[in-house]
């Protein structure tokens, strides 16, 4: 074979490897995701359908295939929250953070767990981290509740005002705040 033909063969081979092979790989994974991703997605779908126990089973299977998937731990933590299993949720959120997954919603949930445990200073830290990731009304509400428990009514009102500006129901906030003030 002449040198010119070898050059053409090499160029064609490189073009195939650079442009066509990656398309084939991407398509393969789109239709055949790794087992941990497909079961994690199935768990998320079950969670969204309110099938929490089944979702936990899917997350457990997913984590058996890939125990370093922080998103799966975070999602399973959300499912535990729905079931009122706060210690399990907290442990999964801690594992997700350890693995590098950090979301505003997860921080709000951790703050809520601390709030329920009457660990108001730690709740404030979590709500603050949530707000730094993405300012959401729920984080400001939690922050305001923790501040109310800590007798910081000025800051609490500022947090509640911010939550209201983000669309949270003002009547609900002020009724809850007033209930806290009566028992503290």
N, C-alpha and C. Protein backbone atom coordinates (compact mmCIF):
# COMPACT_ATOMS: atom_id res chain seq x y z
N UNK A 1 0.85 -1.16 0.00
CA UNK A 1 0.00 0.00 0.00
C UNK A 1 0.90 1.23 0.00
N UNK A 2 0.52 2.18 -0.80
CA UNK A 2 1.35 3.38 -0.90
C UNK A 2 1.20 4.23 0.36
N UNK A 3 2.15 5.10 0.51
CA UNK A 3 2.17 5.96 1.71
C UNK A 3 0.95 6.87 1.74
N UNK A 4 0.50 7.31 0.57
CA UNK A 4 -0.68 8.16 0.49
C UNK A 4 -1.92 7.43 1.00
N UNK A 5 -2.06 6.17 0.65
CA UNK A 5 -3.22 5.38 1.09
C UNK A 5 -3.16 5.19 2.60
N UNK A 6 -1.98 4.97 3.16
CA UNK A 6 -1.84 4.82 4.62
C UNK A 6 -2.27 6.09 5.34
N UNK A 7 -1.88 7.21 4.81
CA UNK A 7 -2.25 8.48 5.42
C UNK A 7 -3.77 8.64 5.41
N UNK A 8 -4.40 8.30 4.31
CA UNK A 8 -5.87 8.40 4.21
C UNK A 8 -6.54 7.43 5.19
N UNK A 9 -6.02 6.22 5.29
CA UNK A 9 -6.57 5.24 6.23
C UNK A 9 -6.44 5.75 7.66
N UNK A 10 -5.32 6.31 8.01
CA UNK A 10 -5.10 6.83 9.36
C UNK A 10 -6.03 8.01 9.64
N UNK A 11 -6.19 8.89 8.67
CA UNK A 11 -7.07 10.05 8.85
C UNK A 11 -8.52 9.59 9.05
N UNK A 12 -8.96 8.65 8.23
CA UNK A 12 -10.33 8.12 8.38
C UNK A 12 -10.50 7.47 9.74
N UNK A 13 -9.50 6.69 10.15
CA UNK A 13 -9.56 6.04 11.47
C UNK A 13 -9.68 7.08 12.58
N UNK A 14 -8.87 8.13 12.52
CA UNK A 14 -8.90 9.17 13.54
C UNK A 14 -10.24 9.90 13.55
N UNK A 15 -10.77 10.18 12.36
CA UNK A 15 -12.08 10.82 12.29
C UNK A 15 -13.16 9.97 12.93
N UNK A 16 -13.13 8.69 12.67
CA UNK A 16 -14.09 7.78 13.27
C UNK A 16 -13.94 7.78 14.79
N UNK A 17 -12.72 7.69 15.26
CA UNK A 17 -12.48 7.63 16.70
C UNK A 17 -12.87 8.95 17.39
N UNK A 18 -12.62 10.07 16.75
CA UNK A 18 -12.87 11.36 17.38
C UNK A 18 -14.34 11.75 17.31
N UNK A 19 -15.00 11.50 16.19
CA UNK A 19 -16.35 12.01 16.01
C UNK A 19 -17.45 10.95 16.13
N UNK A 20 -17.25 9.79 15.64
CA UNK A 20 -18.32 8.80 15.61
C UNK A 20 -18.32 7.93 16.86
N UNK A 21 -17.19 7.48 17.31
CA UNK A 21 -17.12 6.60 18.49
C UNK A 21 -17.75 7.23 19.73
N UNK A 22 -17.44 8.51 20.05
CA UNK A 22 -18.10 9.09 21.23
C UNK A 22 -19.62 9.16 21.09
N UNK A 23 -20.12 9.38 19.89
CA UNK A 23 -21.58 9.39 19.71
C UNK A 23 -22.17 8.03 20.03
N UNK A 24 -21.51 7.00 19.61
CA UNK A 24 -21.97 5.65 19.90
C UNK A 24 -21.95 5.35 21.39
N UNK A 25 -20.92 5.79 22.07
CA UNK A 25 -20.83 5.57 23.52
C UNK A 25 -21.93 6.32 24.24
N UNK A 26 -22.15 7.58 23.85
CA UNK A 26 -23.18 8.37 24.51
C UNK A 26 -24.55 7.72 24.31
N UNK A 27 -24.82 7.29 23.11
CA UNK A 27 -26.09 6.64 22.82
C UNK A 27 -26.22 5.35 23.62
N UNK A 28 -25.16 4.58 23.72
CA UNK A 28 -25.19 3.34 24.50
C UNK A 28 -25.58 3.62 25.95
N UNK A 29 -24.94 4.64 26.57
CA UNK A 29 -25.24 4.93 27.97
C UNK A 29 -26.61 5.55 28.16
N UNK A 30 -27.09 6.27 27.14
CA UNK A 30 -28.44 6.81 27.25
C UNK A 30 -29.47 5.69 27.31
N UNK A 31 -29.23 4.64 26.55
CA UNK A 31 -30.18 3.53 26.53
C UNK A 31 -29.85 2.43 27.53
N UNK A 32 -28.64 2.39 27.99
CA UNK A 32 -28.20 1.38 28.95
C UNK A 32 -27.40 2.04 30.07
N UNK A 33 -28.08 2.84 30.92
CA UNK A 33 -27.31 3.51 31.98
C UNK A 33 -26.74 2.50 32.95
N UNK A 34 -25.64 2.86 33.62
CA UNK A 34 -25.10 1.96 34.63
C UNK A 34 -26.18 1.63 35.67
N UNK A 35 -26.08 0.45 36.26
CA UNK A 35 -27.11 -0.05 37.17
C UNK A 35 -27.38 0.91 38.32
N UNK A 36 -26.35 1.54 38.86
CA UNK A 36 -26.58 2.44 39.99
C UNK A 36 -27.41 3.65 39.58
N UNK A 37 -27.23 4.15 38.37
CA UNK A 37 -27.98 5.32 37.92
C UNK A 37 -29.42 4.94 37.61
N UNK A 38 -29.63 3.82 36.95
CA UNK A 38 -31.00 3.43 36.61
C UNK A 38 -31.82 3.13 37.86
N UNK A 39 -31.23 2.48 38.86
CA UNK A 39 -31.99 2.20 40.08
C UNK A 39 -32.17 3.46 40.92
N UNK A 40 -31.20 4.36 40.90
CA UNK A 40 -31.36 5.63 41.61
C UNK A 40 -32.48 6.45 40.98
N UNK A 41 -32.53 6.50 39.66
CA UNK A 41 -33.61 7.20 38.97
C UNK A 41 -34.97 6.56 39.26
N UNK A 42 -34.99 5.24 39.32
CA UNK A 42 -36.23 4.53 39.65
C UNK A 42 -36.67 4.89 41.08
N UNK A 43 -35.71 4.99 41.99
CA UNK A 43 -36.02 5.39 43.35
C UNK A 43 -36.60 6.80 43.40
N UNK A 44 -36.03 7.71 42.64
CA UNK A 44 -36.53 9.08 42.60
C UNK A 44 -37.97 9.12 42.06
N UNK A 45 -38.23 8.33 41.03
CA UNK A 45 -39.58 8.28 40.45
C UNK A 45 -40.57 7.74 41.49
N UNK A 46 -40.19 6.69 42.20
CA UNK A 46 -41.07 6.13 43.23
C UNK A 46 -41.31 7.14 44.34
N UNK A 47 -40.28 7.87 44.71
CA UNK A 47 -40.43 8.92 45.73
C UNK A 47 -41.46 9.95 45.26
N UNK A 48 -41.34 10.39 44.03
CA UNK A 48 -42.26 11.39 43.48
C UNK A 48 -43.68 10.88 43.42
N UNK A 49 -43.85 9.57 43.31
CA UNK A 49 -45.18 8.95 43.30
C UNK A 49 -45.70 8.67 44.71
N UNK A 50 -44.89 8.99 45.72
CA UNK A 50 -45.31 8.75 47.10
C UNK A 50 -45.11 7.32 47.57
N UNK A 51 -44.36 6.55 46.82
CA UNK A 51 -44.08 5.15 47.18
C UNK A 51 -42.72 5.10 47.88
N UNK A 52 -42.71 5.58 49.12
CA UNK A 52 -41.45 5.82 49.82
C UNK A 52 -40.71 4.54 50.19
N UNK A 53 -41.41 3.54 50.65
CA UNK A 53 -40.73 2.28 51.03
C UNK A 53 -40.08 1.64 49.80
N UNK A 54 -40.79 1.64 48.68
CA UNK A 54 -40.22 1.08 47.46
C UNK A 54 -39.03 1.90 46.99
N UNK A 55 -39.12 3.22 47.17
CA UNK A 55 -38.00 4.09 46.79
C UNK A 55 -36.76 3.75 47.60
N UNK A 56 -36.95 3.50 48.90
CA UNK A 56 -35.81 3.13 49.74
C UNK A 56 -35.13 1.87 49.24
N UNK A 57 -35.93 0.91 48.79
CA UNK A 57 -35.36 -0.34 48.24
C UNK A 57 -34.52 -0.06 47.00
N UNK A 58 -35.03 0.83 46.12
CA UNK A 58 -34.28 1.16 44.91
C UNK A 58 -32.98 1.89 45.24
N UNK A 59 -33.04 2.80 46.19
CA UNK A 59 -31.82 3.52 46.59
C UNK A 59 -30.80 2.57 47.20
N UNK A 60 -31.28 1.62 48.00
CA UNK A 60 -30.36 0.64 48.60
C UNK A 60 -29.68 -0.18 47.50
N UNK A 61 -30.46 -0.59 46.50
CA UNK A 61 -29.87 -1.34 45.39
C UNK A 61 -28.86 -0.49 44.63
N UNK A 62 -29.21 0.77 44.38
CA UNK A 62 -28.30 1.66 43.67
C UNK A 62 -26.98 1.82 44.44
N UNK A 63 -27.09 2.01 45.75
CA UNK A 63 -25.89 2.19 46.55
C UNK A 63 -25.07 0.92 46.68
N UNK A 64 -25.71 -0.24 46.50
CA UNK A 64 -24.94 -1.49 46.50
C UNK A 64 -24.05 -1.59 45.26
N UNK A 65 -24.47 -0.93 44.17
CA UNK A 65 -23.66 -0.90 42.94
C UNK A 65 -22.63 0.22 42.96
N UNK A 66 -22.96 1.33 43.63
CA UNK A 66 -22.03 2.46 43.68
C UNK A 66 -22.22 3.19 45.01
N UNK A 67 -21.48 2.81 46.03
CA UNK A 67 -21.65 3.43 47.34
C UNK A 67 -21.05 4.83 47.45
N UNK A 68 -20.56 5.38 46.35
CA UNK A 68 -19.98 6.73 46.38
C UNK A 68 -20.84 7.75 45.64
N UNK A 69 -22.10 7.42 45.41
CA UNK A 69 -23.00 8.34 44.70
C UNK A 69 -23.71 9.23 45.72
N UNK A 70 -23.19 10.43 45.89
CA UNK A 70 -23.74 11.36 46.87
C UNK A 70 -25.17 11.78 46.57
N UNK A 71 -25.51 11.89 45.30
CA UNK A 71 -26.87 12.28 44.93
C UNK A 71 -27.88 11.23 45.41
N UNK A 72 -27.51 9.97 45.30
CA UNK A 72 -28.42 8.92 45.77
C UNK A 72 -28.61 9.01 47.27
N UNK A 73 -27.54 9.28 48.01
CA UNK A 73 -27.68 9.46 49.46
C UNK A 73 -28.60 10.64 49.77
N UNK A 74 -28.44 11.74 49.05
CA UNK A 74 -29.28 12.92 49.28
C UNK A 74 -30.74 12.60 48.98
N UNK A 75 -30.98 11.91 47.88
CA UNK A 75 -32.36 11.55 47.52
C UNK A 75 -32.97 10.59 48.54
N UNK A 76 -32.16 9.64 48.99
CA UNK A 76 -32.68 8.71 50.00
C UNK A 76 -32.95 9.47 51.30
N UNK A 77 -32.12 10.45 51.62
CA UNK A 77 -32.37 11.29 52.79
C UNK A 77 -33.71 12.00 52.69
N UNK A 78 -34.04 12.50 51.49
CA UNK A 78 -35.35 13.14 51.28
C UNK A 78 -36.49 12.16 51.53
N UNK A 79 -36.29 10.92 51.10
CA UNK A 79 -37.32 9.91 51.31
C UNK A 79 -37.47 9.60 52.79
N UNK A 80 -36.36 9.48 53.49
CA UNK A 80 -36.43 9.28 54.94
C UNK A 80 -37.16 10.44 55.61
N UNK A 81 -36.93 11.65 55.15
CA UNK A 81 -37.64 12.82 55.71
C UNK A 81 -39.15 12.65 55.56
N UNK A 82 -39.57 12.22 54.39
CA UNK A 82 -41.01 12.03 54.14
C UNK A 82 -41.60 10.98 55.08
N UNK A 83 -40.80 10.01 55.46
CA UNK A 83 -41.26 8.94 56.36
C UNK A 83 -41.10 9.31 57.84
N UNK A 84 -40.56 10.50 58.11
CA UNK A 84 -40.35 10.92 59.49
C UNK A 84 -39.18 10.23 60.15
N UNK A 85 -38.29 9.66 59.36
CA UNK A 85 -37.11 8.96 59.87
C UNK A 85 -35.93 9.94 59.84
N UNK A 86 -35.97 10.90 60.76
CA UNK A 86 -35.05 12.04 60.71
C UNK A 86 -33.60 11.67 60.97
N UNK A 87 -33.34 10.73 61.86
CA UNK A 87 -31.96 10.33 62.11
C UNK A 87 -31.35 9.68 60.87
N UNK A 88 -32.13 8.82 60.21
CA UNK A 88 -31.64 8.18 58.98
C UNK A 88 -31.42 9.22 57.89
N UNK A 89 -32.34 10.17 57.79
CA UNK A 89 -32.20 11.24 56.80
C UNK A 89 -30.93 12.04 57.07
N UNK A 90 -30.73 12.39 58.33
CA UNK A 90 -29.55 13.18 58.69
C UNK A 90 -28.27 12.44 58.34
N UNK A 91 -28.24 11.14 58.63
CA UNK A 91 -27.05 10.33 58.31
C UNK A 91 -26.79 10.30 56.81
N UNK A 92 -27.85 10.15 56.02
CA UNK A 92 -27.66 10.13 54.56
C UNK A 92 -27.20 11.50 54.04
N UNK A 93 -27.75 12.57 54.60
CA UNK A 93 -27.31 13.89 54.18
C UNK A 93 -25.84 14.10 54.54
N UNK A 94 -25.43 13.62 55.71
CA UNK A 94 -24.03 13.74 56.11
C UNK A 94 -23.13 12.98 55.13
N UNK A 95 -23.57 11.79 54.73
CA UNK A 95 -22.80 11.00 53.77
C UNK A 95 -22.73 11.70 52.41
N UNK A 96 -23.84 12.28 51.98
CA UNK A 96 -23.86 13.00 50.71
C UNK A 96 -22.88 14.16 50.74
N UNK A 97 -22.86 14.89 51.85
CA UNK A 97 -21.90 16.00 51.98
C UNK A 97 -20.47 15.49 51.95
N UNK A 98 -20.23 14.39 52.64
CA UNK A 98 -18.90 13.79 52.66
C UNK A 98 -18.44 13.43 51.24
N UNK A 99 -19.40 13.04 50.40
CA UNK A 99 -19.09 12.64 49.02
C UNK A 99 -19.11 13.82 48.04
N UNK A 100 -19.37 15.03 48.56
CA UNK A 100 -19.29 16.20 47.71
C UNK A 100 -20.61 16.68 47.13
N UNK A 101 -21.73 16.12 47.56
CA UNK A 101 -23.04 16.57 47.08
C UNK A 101 -23.61 17.56 48.10
N UNK A 102 -23.96 18.74 47.63
CA UNK A 102 -24.47 19.78 48.53
C UNK A 102 -25.56 20.55 47.79
N UNK A 103 -26.79 20.51 48.31
CA UNK A 103 -27.90 21.22 47.69
C UNK A 103 -28.59 22.09 48.72
N UNK A 104 -29.28 23.12 48.23
CA UNK A 104 -30.03 24.00 49.12
C UNK A 104 -31.12 23.23 49.85
N UNK A 105 -31.83 22.36 49.15
CA UNK A 105 -32.92 21.61 49.78
C UNK A 105 -32.40 20.70 50.88
N UNK A 106 -31.26 20.07 50.64
CA UNK A 106 -30.68 19.19 51.65
C UNK A 106 -30.28 20.00 52.89
N UNK A 107 -29.74 21.18 52.68
CA UNK A 107 -29.36 22.03 53.81
C UNK A 107 -30.59 22.50 54.59
N UNK A 108 -31.69 22.81 53.88
CA UNK A 108 -32.93 23.17 54.57
C UNK A 108 -33.41 22.00 55.42
N UNK A 109 -33.38 20.80 54.87
CA UNK A 109 -33.82 19.63 55.63
C UNK A 109 -32.94 19.38 56.85
N UNK A 110 -31.63 19.55 56.69
CA UNK A 110 -30.73 19.40 57.85
C UNK A 110 -31.06 20.47 58.89
N UNK A 111 -31.32 21.69 58.43
CA UNK A 111 -31.73 22.74 59.36
C UNK A 111 -33.01 22.40 60.09
N UNK A 112 -33.97 21.83 59.36
CA UNK A 112 -35.23 21.43 59.98
C UNK A 112 -35.02 20.35 61.03
N UNK A 113 -34.11 19.43 60.76
CA UNK A 113 -33.81 18.38 61.74
C UNK A 113 -33.21 19.01 62.99
N UNK A 114 -32.26 19.90 62.82
CA UNK A 114 -31.68 20.59 63.98
C UNK A 114 -32.74 21.40 64.73
N UNK A 115 -33.63 22.05 63.99
CA UNK A 115 -34.69 22.83 64.61
C UNK A 115 -35.57 21.92 65.47
N UNK A 116 -35.93 20.75 64.95
CA UNK A 116 -36.75 19.80 65.71
C UNK A 116 -36.01 19.25 66.92
N UNK A 117 -34.69 19.24 66.86
CA UNK A 117 -33.88 18.77 67.99
C UNK A 117 -33.57 19.91 68.98
N UNK A 118 -34.12 21.09 68.72
CA UNK A 118 -33.87 22.31 69.53
C UNK A 118 -32.41 22.73 69.51
N UNK A 119 -31.72 22.41 68.43
CA UNK A 119 -30.33 22.84 68.23
C UNK A 119 -30.35 24.04 67.28
N UNK A 120 -30.80 25.17 67.82
CA UNK A 120 -31.12 26.33 67.00
C UNK A 120 -29.90 26.96 66.34
N UNK A 121 -28.77 26.99 67.03
CA UNK A 121 -27.56 27.56 66.43
C UNK A 121 -27.11 26.73 65.23
N UNK A 122 -27.17 25.41 65.36
CA UNK A 122 -26.79 24.55 64.23
C UNK A 122 -27.80 24.67 63.09
N UNK A 123 -29.07 24.84 63.44
CA UNK A 123 -30.09 25.05 62.41
C UNK A 123 -29.77 26.31 61.61
N UNK A 124 -29.40 27.38 62.31
CA UNK A 124 -29.06 28.63 61.62
C UNK A 124 -27.90 28.46 60.65
N UNK A 125 -26.92 27.66 61.04
CA UNK A 125 -25.78 27.40 60.15
C UNK A 125 -26.27 26.73 58.87
N UNK A 126 -27.12 25.72 59.03
CA UNK A 126 -27.61 24.98 57.85
C UNK A 126 -28.46 25.87 56.95
N UNK A 127 -29.35 26.67 57.55
CA UNK A 127 -30.17 27.57 56.74
C UNK A 127 -29.30 28.59 56.02
N UNK A 128 -28.28 29.08 56.69
CA UNK A 128 -27.36 30.02 56.06
C UNK A 128 -26.64 29.40 54.87
N UNK A 129 -26.22 28.15 55.02
CA UNK A 129 -25.55 27.46 53.91
C UNK A 129 -26.52 27.24 52.76
N UNK A 130 -27.77 26.92 53.09
CA UNK A 130 -28.78 26.76 52.04
C UNK A 130 -28.95 28.06 51.26
N UNK A 131 -29.06 29.16 51.98
CA UNK A 131 -29.25 30.46 51.33
C UNK A 131 -28.05 30.81 50.46
N UNK A 132 -26.85 30.44 50.90
CA UNK A 132 -25.66 30.74 50.09
C UNK A 132 -25.61 29.91 48.81
N UNK A 133 -26.23 28.72 48.84
CA UNK A 133 -26.29 27.89 47.63
C UNK A 133 -27.36 28.42 46.69
N UNK A 134 -28.55 28.62 47.25
CA UNK A 134 -29.69 29.13 46.46
C UNK A 134 -30.72 29.68 47.43
N UNK A 135 -30.97 30.98 47.39
CA UNK A 135 -31.94 31.57 48.32
C UNK A 135 -33.35 31.05 48.04
N UNK A 136 -33.88 30.27 48.97
CA UNK A 136 -35.24 29.75 48.85
C UNK A 136 -36.04 30.17 50.08
N UNK A 137 -37.33 30.35 49.88
CA UNK A 137 -38.19 30.84 50.96
C UNK A 137 -38.13 29.94 52.19
N UNK A 138 -38.09 28.62 51.97
CA UNK A 138 -38.09 27.69 53.09
C UNK A 138 -36.89 27.88 54.01
N UNK A 139 -35.75 28.25 53.43
CA UNK A 139 -34.55 28.49 54.24
C UNK A 139 -34.74 29.74 55.11
N UNK A 140 -35.35 30.77 54.54
CA UNK A 140 -35.59 31.98 55.31
C UNK A 140 -36.63 31.75 56.41
N UNK A 141 -37.65 30.92 56.12
CA UNK A 141 -38.64 30.59 57.15
C UNK A 141 -37.96 29.85 58.30
N UNK A 142 -37.18 28.82 57.98
CA UNK A 142 -36.47 28.07 59.01
C UNK A 142 -35.54 28.96 59.81
N UNK A 143 -34.84 29.83 59.10
CA UNK A 143 -33.93 30.77 59.76
C UNK A 143 -34.71 31.67 60.72
N UNK A 144 -35.86 32.17 60.26
CA UNK A 144 -36.68 33.02 61.11
C UNK A 144 -37.21 32.29 62.33
N UNK A 145 -37.60 31.03 62.14
CA UNK A 145 -38.08 30.25 63.29
C UNK A 145 -36.97 30.03 64.32
N UNK A 146 -35.79 29.67 63.84
CA UNK A 146 -34.66 29.47 64.76
C UNK A 146 -34.33 30.78 65.48
N UNK A 147 -34.35 31.88 64.76
CA UNK A 147 -34.06 33.18 65.38
C UNK A 147 -35.13 33.54 66.41
N UNK A 148 -36.38 33.18 66.13
CA UNK A 148 -37.45 33.44 67.10
C UNK A 148 -37.21 32.65 68.38
N UNK A 149 -36.86 31.37 68.23
CA UNK A 149 -36.56 30.56 69.41
C UNK A 149 -35.39 31.13 70.21
N UNK A 150 -34.46 31.77 69.51
CA UNK A 150 -33.28 32.35 70.16
C UNK A 150 -33.52 33.80 70.61
N UNK A 151 -34.76 34.24 70.59
CA UNK A 151 -35.16 35.57 71.05
C UNK A 151 -34.61 36.70 70.19
N UNK A 152 -34.26 36.42 68.96
CA UNK A 152 -33.75 37.46 68.06
C UNK A 152 -34.88 37.85 67.10
N UNK A 153 -35.86 38.57 67.65
CA UNK A 153 -37.07 38.88 66.89
C UNK A 153 -36.82 39.82 65.71
N UNK A 154 -35.87 40.73 65.85
CA UNK A 154 -35.58 41.66 64.75
C UNK A 154 -35.06 40.88 63.53
N UNK A 155 -34.09 40.02 63.76
CA UNK A 155 -33.55 39.20 62.65
C UNK A 155 -34.61 38.25 62.12
N UNK A 156 -35.42 37.69 63.02
CA UNK A 156 -36.47 36.77 62.60
C UNK A 156 -37.45 37.46 61.66
N UNK A 157 -37.87 38.67 62.01
CA UNK A 157 -38.79 39.39 61.14
C UNK A 157 -38.17 39.69 59.78
N UNK A 158 -36.88 39.99 59.76
CA UNK A 158 -36.20 40.22 58.48
C UNK A 158 -36.19 38.94 57.64
N UNK A 159 -35.93 37.81 58.29
CA UNK A 159 -35.94 36.52 57.57
C UNK A 159 -37.33 36.21 57.05
N UNK A 160 -38.35 36.43 57.88
CA UNK A 160 -39.72 36.18 57.45
C UNK A 160 -40.11 37.09 56.28
N UNK A 161 -39.71 38.35 56.36
CA UNK A 161 -40.01 39.28 55.26
C UNK A 161 -39.37 38.80 53.96
N UNK A 162 -38.15 38.30 54.05
CA UNK A 162 -37.47 37.79 52.85
C UNK A 162 -38.21 36.57 52.30
N UNK A 163 -38.67 35.68 53.19
CA UNK A 163 -39.43 34.50 52.75
C UNK A 163 -40.71 34.93 52.05
N UNK A 164 -41.38 35.92 52.60
CA UNK A 164 -42.63 36.42 51.99
C UNK A 164 -42.33 37.01 50.62
N UNK A 165 -41.22 37.74 50.50
CA UNK A 165 -40.85 38.34 49.20
C UNK A 165 -40.57 37.26 48.16
N UNK A 166 -40.21 36.05 48.63
CA UNK A 166 -39.96 34.93 47.71
C UNK A 166 -41.20 34.07 47.50
N UNK A 167 -42.34 34.53 48.03
CA UNK A 167 -43.60 33.84 47.73
C UNK A 167 -44.17 32.96 48.82
N UNK A 168 -43.58 32.96 50.01
CA UNK A 168 -44.10 32.11 51.09
C UNK A 168 -45.35 32.76 51.69
N UNK A 169 -46.27 31.95 52.17
CA UNK A 169 -47.55 32.40 52.73
C UNK A 169 -47.32 33.16 54.04
N UNK A 170 -47.62 34.46 54.04
CA UNK A 170 -47.34 35.30 55.20
C UNK A 170 -48.19 34.92 56.41
N UNK A 171 -49.44 34.55 56.21
CA UNK A 171 -50.29 34.18 57.35
C UNK A 171 -49.71 32.99 58.09
N UNK A 172 -49.26 32.02 57.36
CA UNK A 172 -48.67 30.82 57.96
C UNK A 172 -47.43 31.16 58.78
N UNK A 173 -46.61 32.05 58.26
CA UNK A 173 -45.39 32.45 58.97
C UNK A 173 -45.74 33.11 60.29
N UNK A 174 -46.61 34.08 60.25
CA UNK A 174 -46.87 34.87 61.45
C UNK A 174 -47.64 34.08 62.51
N UNK A 175 -48.51 33.17 62.09
CA UNK A 175 -49.20 32.31 63.06
C UNK A 175 -48.17 31.43 63.78
N UNK A 176 -47.26 30.84 63.01
CA UNK A 176 -46.23 29.98 63.61
C UNK A 176 -45.32 30.79 64.52
N UNK A 177 -44.90 31.95 64.07
CA UNK A 177 -44.05 32.81 64.89
C UNK A 177 -44.73 33.16 66.22
N UNK A 178 -46.00 33.52 66.15
CA UNK A 178 -46.73 33.89 67.37
C UNK A 178 -46.88 32.70 68.31
N UNK A 179 -47.05 31.50 67.74
CA UNK A 179 -47.13 30.30 68.59
C UNK A 179 -45.80 30.07 69.32
N UNK A 180 -44.71 30.26 68.64
CA UNK A 180 -43.39 30.09 69.26
C UNK A 180 -43.21 31.11 70.37
N UNK A 181 -43.59 32.34 70.12
CA UNK A 181 -43.42 33.39 71.13
C UNK A 181 -44.23 33.07 72.40
N UNK A 182 -45.38 32.42 72.23
CA UNK A 182 -46.20 32.08 73.39
C UNK A 182 -45.58 31.00 74.25
N UNK A 183 -44.82 30.08 73.64
CA UNK A 183 -44.28 28.95 74.42
C UNK A 183 -42.85 29.15 74.88
N UNK A 184 -42.16 30.14 74.35
CA UNK A 184 -40.74 30.27 74.72
C UNK A 184 -40.54 30.93 76.04
